[in-house]
Amino acid sequence: MIRASIAAVTLLTLGVFAGSAHAQGGCCVLPDNGTGTVDMPPQCSLFGPMLIDNGIPGGTIEIDAELGTYFNINEVAGGGLLGGASATFDAIISLTMTGTGSLNNFNRLISIQVACEFHYAPRTAGDPVQQFAGDVYRIVGTQFGDPDFDILDIQAGSFFVAPSPGITRLTKIGPGATDPFDVESFFDIHYAIHFEGAPGSVLEGFSGTTTSHGVFELCPPGLATDVAGPALPLEAESNWSHVKGLFR
């Protein structure tokens, strides 16, 4: 899991953010908010892997997670740990669960409402390409009384678990001042999942807390961003080593 996440981040920093100064639309295209940039957080889902492996003898639960359906959004310019903006909002995290080993017949889709706070470094509104660091400061939500989980609790981000840095890149589509932006973003999100199995379910008598991390991206797996032109190298101030260093 850790090696896979590091490899994914390395690939992203070496070339996934590719395109010309005026890109074609990819999987997340958002309008100019009238000030030459895009509101944060981008109104596109984040997709990434999660795992429950503590408290289940002989088995694990692998999770394909989607964080989306953002609402109650409040973006504050100049806020947050990175000095650019902070955004608080509510969201829905959808967990597609697949059991392995002793739980190889376990398959569930569970959705939980979560409270979130993301922080962003400064960006220059009006630039055709805006690339800036970010941090998942917190994601938290709990579900009670599920048929399989008496308690299913998720805590993630720098506040609860460990630094969860990332990078966002906005690329203008077309030369017009009001043209939309192609948005690319990823975060290495550290999380803790606590569960207690429900009576009568396959998880009865099981409980545990798994702490791990996964790389979450705006595009779902297998859907590459369609941008035109040669690759643009990541700016030195936004490479992965620097981003991680911001949170030490």
Foldseek 3Di string as FASTA:
>chain_A
DVVVQVVVQVVCQFFLQFFDLAWDAFPAWDWDPPQQDDDPPRQFKKWKKDKADPFDPQKIKIWTKIKHPWDPWDKDALDDPQRGIKIKTKTKIWIFIAMDTVRRVDTDIDIWIKIWMKAWHHWDGNRQKTKTKIWGAWIWTWDADDQWFNIKIKIKTPPPARTKMKMKMWHHHDDDSGGITHIKMKIWMWMKIWTATDPPHPRHPTIDIDTDTIMIIRDDPPGRTHIDDGTDNDDPCPRPVNRVVSRD
